[in-house]
Amino acid sequence: MAEYRIVTDNASGFMVQARRWWWPFWLQVGFNSSSSAEGARQWIEREFAYAARKKNAGKVVEHLGRWTS
């Protein structure tokens, strides 16, 4: 799990940085420059939604057992 923060940048205003539990430094995540702090928050929310979909991908929804005819 990552920890996120919003910082100012020199390009368009704000960017998202992340720090993993195993890495002691803050790093920019992708290309996420935003003109507002709200836009940066929306980027983080999309990142969380993507991670949730990825985590649930490939899980068994229903096991039907063997079919015999």
PDB file of N, CA and C in Angstrom:
ATOM      1  N   MET A   1       0.844  -1.174   0.000  1.00  0.00           N
ATOM      2  CA  MET A   1       0.000   0.000   0.000  1.00  0.00           C
ATOM      3  C   MET A   1       0.888   1.236   0.000  1.00  0.00           C
ATOM      4  N   ALA A   2       0.467   2.231  -0.707  1.00  0.00           N
ATOM      5  CA  ALA A   2       1.253   3.454  -0.817  1.00  0.00           C
ATOM      6  C   ALA A   2       0.613   4.573  -0.003  1.00  0.00           C
ATOM      7  N   GLU A   3       1.428   5.523   0.350  1.00  0.00           N
ATOM      8  CA  GLU A   3       0.986   6.742   1.016  1.00  0.00           C
ATOM      9  C   GLU A   3       1.121   7.851  -0.024  1.00  0.00           C
ATOM     10  N   TYR A   4       0.104   8.701  -0.166  1.00  0.00           N
ATOM     11  CA  TYR A   4       0.106   9.734  -1.195  1.00  0.00           C
ATOM     12  C   TYR A   4       0.138  11.119  -0.573  1.00  0.00           C
ATOM     13  N   ARG A   5       0.700  12.072  -1.335  1.00  0.00           N
ATOM     14  CA  ARG A   5       0.634  13.473  -0.939  1.00  0.00           C
ATOM     15  C   ARG A   5       0.574  14.328  -2.197  1.00  0.00           C
ATOM     16  N   ILE A   6       0.062  15.545  -2.034  1.00  0.00           N
ATOM     17  CA  ILE A   6      -0.035  16.505  -3.129  1.00  0.00           C
ATOM     18  C   ILE A   6       0.955  17.623  -2.843  1.00  0.00           C
ATOM     19  N   VAL A   7       1.805  17.919  -3.820  1.00  0.00           N
ATOM     20  CA  VAL A   7       2.809  18.975  -3.673  1.00  0.00           C
ATOM     21  C   VAL A   7       2.720  19.916  -4.867  1.00  0.00           C
ATOM     22  N   THR A   8       3.294  21.101  -4.722  1.00  0.00           N
ATOM     23  CA  THR A   8       3.324  22.032  -5.848  1.00  0.00           C
ATOM     24  C   THR A   8       4.472  21.655  -6.774  1.00  0.00           C
ATOM     25  N   ASP A   9       4.286  21.952  -8.063  1.00  0.00           N
ATOM     26  CA  ASP A   9       5.362  21.719  -9.027  1.00  0.00           C
ATOM     27  C   ASP A   9       5.572  22.976  -9.862  1.00  0.00           C
ATOM     28  N   ASN A  10       6.586  22.965 -10.703  1.00  0.00           N
ATOM     29  CA  ASN A  10       6.913  24.141 -11.510  1.00  0.00           C
ATOM     30  C   ASN A  10       6.165  24.180 -12.832  1.00  0.00           C
ATOM     31  N   ALA A  11       5.502  23.093 -13.216  1.00  0.00           N
ATOM     32  CA  ALA A  11       4.855  23.031 -14.527  1.00  0.00           C
ATOM     33  C   ALA A  11       3.464  23.654 -14.500  1.00  0.00           C
ATOM     34  N   SER A  12       2.507  22.983 -13.859  1.00  0.00           N
ATOM     35  CA  SER A  12       1.140  23.485 -13.928  1.00  0.00           C
ATOM     36  C   SER A  12       0.493  23.709 -12.572  1.00  0.00           C
ATOM     37  N   GLY A  13       1.186  23.456 -11.494  1.00  0.00           N
ATOM     38  CA  GLY A  13       0.610  23.770 -10.195  1.00  0.00           C
ATOM     39  C   GLY A  13       0.782  22.698  -9.141  1.00  0.00           C
ATOM     40  N   PHE A  14       0.199  21.508  -9.369  1.00  0.00           N
ATOM     41  CA  PHE A  14       0.197  20.469  -8.348  1.00  0.00           C
ATOM     42  C   PHE A  14       0.519  19.112  -8.960  1.00  0.00           C
ATOM     43  N   MET A  15       1.140  18.243  -8.166  1.00  0.00           N
ATOM     44  CA  MET A  15       1.380  16.878  -8.614  1.00  0.00           C
ATOM     45  C   MET A  15       1.258  15.933  -7.433  1.00  0.00           C
ATOM     46  N   VAL A  16       1.034  14.661  -7.747  1.00  0.00           N
ATOM     47  CA  VAL A  16       0.873  13.624  -6.739  1.00  0.00           C
ATOM     48  C   VAL A  16       2.191  12.882  -6.592  1.00  0.00           C
ATOM     49  N   GLN A  17       2.581  12.661  -5.353  1.00  0.00           N
ATOM     50  CA  GLN A  17       3.750  11.844  -5.060  1.00  0.00           C
ATOM     51  C   GLN A  17       3.312  10.682  -4.178  1.00  0.00           C
ATOM     52  N   ALA A  18       4.041   9.580  -4.275  1.00  0.00           N
ATOM     53  CA  ALA A  18       3.720   8.397  -3.478  1.00  0.00           C
ATOM     54  C   ALA A  18       4.983   7.872  -2.820  1.00  0.00           C
ATOM     55  N   ARG A  19       4.772   7.226  -1.684  1.00  0.00           N
ATOM     56  CA  ARG A  19       5.868   6.561  -0.986  1.00  0.00           C
ATOM     57  C   ARG A  19       5.379   5.176  -0.592  1.00  0.00           C
ATOM     58  N   ARG A  20       6.110   4.169  -0.997  1.00  0.00           N
ATOM     59  CA  ARG A  20       5.782   2.787  -0.650  1.00  0.00           C
ATOM     60  C   ARG A  20       6.362   2.467   0.719  1.00  0.00           C
ATOM     61  N   TRP A  21       5.836   1.460   1.376  1.00  0.00           N
ATOM     62  CA  TRP A  21       6.308   1.112   2.719  1.00  0.00           C
ATOM     63  C   TRP A  21       7.757   0.652   2.704  1.00  0.00           C
ATOM     64  N   TRP A  22       8.218   0.129   1.578  1.00  0.00           N
ATOM     65  CA  TRP A  22       9.575  -0.402   1.488  1.00  0.00           C
ATOM     66  C   TRP A  22      10.566   0.584   0.881  1.00  0.00           C
ATOM     67  N   TRP A  23      10.122   1.810   0.519  1.00  0.00           N
ATOM     68  CA  TRP A  23      10.990   2.794  -0.130  1.00  0.00           C
ATOM     69  C   TRP A  23      10.926   4.094   0.667  1.00  0.00           C
ATOM     70  N   PRO A  24      12.054   4.628   1.127  1.00  0.00           N
ATOM     71  CA  PRO A  24      12.017   5.784   2.034  1.00  0.00           C
ATOM     72  C   PRO A  24      11.812   7.145   1.361  1.00  0.00           C
ATOM     73  N   PHE A  25      11.725   7.195   0.025  1.00  0.00           N
ATOM     74  CA  PHE A  25      11.653   8.475  -0.681  1.00  0.00           C
ATOM     75  C   PHE A  25      10.286   8.682  -1.324  1.00  0.00           C
ATOM     76  N   TRP A  26       9.888   9.945  -1.453  1.00  0.00           N
ATOM     77  CA  TRP A  26       8.669  10.310  -2.170  1.00  0.00           C
ATOM     78  C   TRP A  26       9.002  10.409  -3.652  1.00  0.00           C
ATOM     79  N   LEU A  27       8.180   9.790  -4.513  1.00  0.00           N
ATOM     80  CA  LEU A  27       8.395   9.806  -5.956  1.00  0.00           C
ATOM     81  C   LEU A  27       7.130  10.263  -6.666  1.00  0.00           C
ATOM     82  N   GLN A  28       7.315  10.988  -7.778  1.00  0.00           N
ATOM     83  CA  GLN A  28       6.165  11.372  -8.586  1.00  0.00           C
ATOM     84  C   GLN A  28       5.581  10.124  -9.227  1.00  0.00           C
ATOM     85  N   VAL A  29       4.258  10.050  -9.261  1.00  0.00           N
ATOM     86  CA  VAL A  29       3.573   8.890  -9.824  1.00  0.00           C
ATOM     87  C   VAL A  29       3.106   9.243 -11.229  1.00  0.00           C
ATOM     88  N   GLY A  30       3.719   8.647 -12.242  1.00  0.00           N
ATOM     89  CA  GLY A  30       3.307   8.884 -13.622  1.00  0.00           C
ATOM     90  C   GLY A  30       3.435  10.344 -14.019  1.00  0.00           C
ATOM     91  N   PHE A  31       2.610  10.751 -14.985  1.00  0.00           N
ATOM     92  CA  PHE A  31       2.557  12.142 -15.430  1.00  0.00           C
ATOM     93  C   PHE A  31       1.249  12.714 -14.924  1.00  0.00           C
ATOM     94  N   ASN A  32       1.270  13.314 -13.755  1.00  0.00           N
ATOM     95  CA  ASN A  32       0.020  13.702 -13.119  1.00  0.00           C
ATOM     96  C   ASN A  32      -0.047  15.167 -12.749  1.00  0.00           C
ATOM     97  N   SER A  33       0.615  16.046 -13.480  1.00  0.00           N
ATOM     98  CA  SER A  33       0.534  17.473 -13.169  1.00  0.00           C
ATOM     99  C   SER A  33      -0.901  17.953 -13.333  1.00  0.00           C
ATOM    100  N   SER A  34      -1.344  18.749 -12.388  1.00  0.00           N
ATOM    101  CA  SER A  34      -2.717  19.233 -12.390  1.00  0.00           C
ATOM    102  C   SER A  34      -2.717  20.720 -12.063  1.00  0.00           C
ATOM    103  N   SER A  35      -3.711  21.435 -12.567  1.00  0.00           N
ATOM    104  CA  SER A  35      -3.779  22.873 -12.312  1.00  0.00           C
ATOM    105  C   SER A  35      -4.423  23.193 -10.967  1.00  0.00           C
ATOM    106  N   SER A  36      -5.020  22.184 -10.303  1.00  0.00           N
ATOM    107  CA  SER A  36      -5.648  22.432  -9.003  1.00  0.00           C
ATOM    108  C   SER A  36      -5.395  21.256  -8.064  1.00  0.00           C
ATOM    109  N   ALA A  37      -5.494  21.530  -6.772  1.00  0.00           N
ATOM    110  CA  ALA A  37      -5.342  20.464  -5.781  1.00  0.00           C
ATOM    111  C   ALA A  37      -6.494  19.471  -5.909  1.00  0.00           C
ATOM    112  N   GLU A  38      -7.680  19.951  -6.266  1.00  0.00           N
ATOM    113  CA  GLU A  38      -8.834  19.061  -6.451  1.00  0.00           C
ATOM    114  C   GLU A  38      -8.589  18.086  -7.601  1.00  0.00           C
ATOM    115  N   GLY A  39      -7.978  18.550  -8.682  1.00  0.00           N
ATOM    116  CA  GLY A  39      -7.636  17.664  -9.793  1.00  0.00           C
ATOM    117  C   GLY A  39      -6.648  16.590  -9.367  1.00  0.00           C
ATOM    118  N   ALA A  40      -5.699  16.955  -8.514  1.00  0.00           N
ATOM    119  CA  ALA A  40      -4.738  15.976  -8.003  1.00  0.00           C
ATOM    120  C   ALA A  40      -5.436  14.953  -7.111  1.00  0.00           C
ATOM    121  N   ARG A  41      -6.404  15.397  -6.287  1.00  0.00           N
ATOM    122  CA  ARG A  41      -7.171  14.464  -5.451  1.00  0.00           C
ATOM    123  C   ARG A  41      -7.965  13.484  -6.316  1.00  0.00           C
ATOM    124  N   GLN A  42      -8.549  13.982  -7.402  1.00  0.00           N
ATOM    125  CA  GLN A  42      -9.295  13.106  -8.308  1.00  0.00           C
ATOM    126  C   GLN A  42      -8.365  12.073  -8.934  1.00  0.00           C
ATOM    127  N   TRP A  43      -7.139  12.466  -9.242  1.00  0.00           N
ATOM    128  CA  TRP A  43      -6.168  11.521  -9.797  1.00  0.00           C
ATOM    129  C   TRP A  43      -5.901  10.406  -8.795  1.00  0.00           C
ATOM    130  N   ILE A  44      -5.744  10.743  -7.509  1.00  0.00           N
ATOM    131  CA  ILE A  44      -5.513   9.736  -6.470  1.00  0.00           C
ATOM    132  C   ILE A  44      -6.720   8.807  -6.357  1.00  0.00           C
ATOM    133  N   GLU A  45      -7.938   9.361  -6.404  1.00  0.00           N
ATOM    134  CA  GLU A  45      -9.145   8.531  -6.328  1.00  0.00           C
ATOM    135  C   GLU A  45      -9.217   7.554  -7.494  1.00  0.00           C
ATOM    136  N   ARG A  46      -8.866   8.012  -8.704  1.00  0.00           N
ATOM    137  CA  ARG A  46      -8.847   7.112  -9.859  1.00  0.00           C
ATOM    138  C   ARG A  46      -7.802   6.015  -9.670  1.00  0.00           C
ATOM    139  N   GLU A  47      -6.663   6.369  -9.092  1.00  0.00           N
ATOM    140  CA  GLU A  47      -5.608   5.389  -8.832  1.00  0.00           C
ATOM    141  C   GLU A  47      -6.096   4.317  -7.853  1.00  0.00           C
ATOM    142  N   PHE A  48      -6.809   4.730  -6.786  1.00  0.00           N
ATOM    143  CA  PHE A  48      -7.357   3.774  -5.827  1.00  0.00           C
ATOM    144  C   PHE A  48      -8.410   2.883  -6.486  1.00  0.00           C
ATOM    145  N   ALA A  49      -9.268   3.461  -7.331  1.00  0.00           N
ATOM    146  CA  ALA A  49     -10.301   2.675  -8.013  1.00  0.00           C
ATOM    147  C   ALA A  49      -9.659   1.651  -8.941  1.00  0.00           C
ATOM    148  N   TYR A  50      -8.612   2.044  -9.666  1.00  0.00           N
ATOM    149  CA  TYR A  50      -7.912   1.112 -10.553  1.00  0.00           C
ATOM    150  C   TYR A  50      -7.280  -0.024  -9.749  1.00  0.00           C
ATOM    151  N   ALA A  51      -6.662   0.313  -8.621  1.00  0.00           N
ATOM    152  CA  ALA A  51      -6.024  -0.714  -7.787  1.00  0.00           C
ATOM    153  C   ALA A  51      -7.064  -1.692  -7.246  1.00  0.00           C
ATOM    154  N   ALA A  52      -8.248  -1.200  -6.885  1.00  0.00           N
ATOM    155  CA  ALA A  52      -9.302  -2.077  -6.378  1.00  0.00           C
ATOM    156  C   ALA A  52      -9.794  -3.019  -7.470  1.00  0.00           C
ATOM    157  N   ARG A  53      -9.966  -2.504  -8.697  1.00  0.00           N
ATOM    158  CA  ARG A  53     -10.391  -3.368  -9.805  1.00  0.00           C
ATOM    159  C   ARG A  53      -9.329  -4.409 -10.113  1.00  0.00           C
ATOM    160  N   LYS A  54      -8.073  -3.996 -10.090  1.00  0.00           N
ATOM    161  CA  LYS A  54      -6.973  -4.910 -10.389  1.00  0.00           C
ATOM    162  C   LYS A  54      -6.873  -5.998  -9.320  1.00  0.00           C
ATOM    163  N   LYS A  55      -7.098  -5.623  -8.058  1.00  0.00           N
ATOM    164  CA  LYS A  55      -7.019  -6.578  -6.955  1.00  0.00           C
ATOM    165  C   LYS A  55      -8.110  -7.637  -7.072  1.00  0.00           C
ATOM    166  N   ASN A  56      -9.299  -7.249  -7.549  1.00  0.00           N
ATOM    167  CA  ASN A  56     -10.422  -8.181  -7.648  1.00  0.00           C
ATOM    168  C   ASN A  56     -10.462  -8.937  -8.967  1.00  0.00           C
ATOM    169  N   ALA A  57      -9.596  -8.611  -9.900  1.00  0.00           N
ATOM    170  CA  ALA A  57      -9.601  -9.282 -11.197  1.00  0.00           C
ATOM    171  C   ALA A  57      -9.152 -10.729 -11.042  1.00  0.00           C
ATOM    172  N   GLY A  58      -9.849 -11.630 -11.690  1.00  0.00           N
ATOM    173  CA  GLY A  58      -9.460 -13.028 -11.691  1.00  0.00           C
ATOM    174  C   GLY A  58      -9.921 -13.829 -10.487  1.00  0.00           C
ATOM    175  N   LYS A  59     -10.702 -13.235  -9.594  1.00  0.00           N
ATOM    176  CA  LYS A  59     -11.204 -13.978  -8.439  1.00  0.00           C
ATOM    177  C   LYS A  59     -12.445 -14.770  -8.836  1.00  0.00           C
ATOM    178  N   VAL A  60     -12.639 -15.890  -8.190  1.00  0.00           N
ATOM    179  CA  VAL A  60     -13.799 -16.735  -8.473  1.00  0.00           C
ATOM    180  C   VAL A  60     -15.045 -16.054  -7.932  1.00  0.00           C
ATOM    181  N   VAL A  61     -16.030 -15.872  -8.798  1.00  0.00           N
ATOM    182  CA  VAL A  61     -17.291 -15.266  -8.395  1.00  0.00           C
ATOM    183  C   VAL A  61     -18.268 -16.345  -7.955  1.00  0.00           C
ATOM    184  N   GLU A  62     -18.316 -17.425  -8.731  1.00  0.00           N
ATOM    185  CA  GLU A  62     -19.224 -18.520  -8.406  1.00  0.00           C
ATOM    186  C   GLU A  62     -18.613 -19.811  -8.931  1.00  0.00           C
ATOM    187  N   HIS A  63     -18.530 -20.808  -8.082  1.00  0.00           N
ATOM    188  CA  HIS A  63     -18.002 -22.107  -8.497  1.00  0.00           C
ATOM    189  C   HIS A  63     -19.184 -23.044  -8.698  1.00  0.00           C
ATOM    190  N   LEU A  64     -19.329 -23.563  -9.901  1.00  0.00           N
ATOM    191  CA  LEU A  64     -20.495 -24.370 -10.236  1.00  0.00           C
ATOM    192  C   LEU A  64     -20.250 -25.864 -10.119  1.00  0.00           C
ATOM    193  N   GLY A  65     -19.043 -26.283  -9.880  1.00  0.00           N
ATOM    194  CA  GLY A  65     -18.754 -27.708  -9.778  1.00  0.00           C
ATOM    195  C   GLY A  65     -18.699 -28.352 -11.156  1.00  0.00           C
ATOM    196  N   ARG A  66     -18.711 -29.660 -11.186  1.00  0.00           N
ATOM    197  CA  ARG A  66     -18.648 -30.381 -12.462  1.00  0.00           C
ATOM    198  C   ARG A  66     -20.034 -30.522 -13.061  1.00  0.00           C
ATOM    199  N   TRP A  67     -20.066 -30.365 -14.356  1.00  0.00           N
ATOM    200  CA  TRP A  67     -21.316 -30.555 -15.084  1.00  0.00           C
ATOM    201  C   TRP A  67     -21.302 -31.945 -15.701  1.00  0.00           C
ATOM    202  N   THR A  68     -22.352 -32.672 -15.515  1.00  0.00           N
ATOM    203  CA  THR A  68     -22.474 -33.984 -16.157  1.00  0.00           C
ATOM    204  C   THR A  68     -23.690 -33.962 -17.056  1.00  0.00           C
ATOM    205  N   SER A  69     -23.572 -34.655 -18.156  1.00  0.00           N
ATOM    206  CA  SER A  69     -24.711 -34.664 -19.081  1.00  0.00           C
ATOM    207  C   SER A  69     -25.378 -36.006 -19.121  1.00  0.00           C
TER     208      SER A  69
END
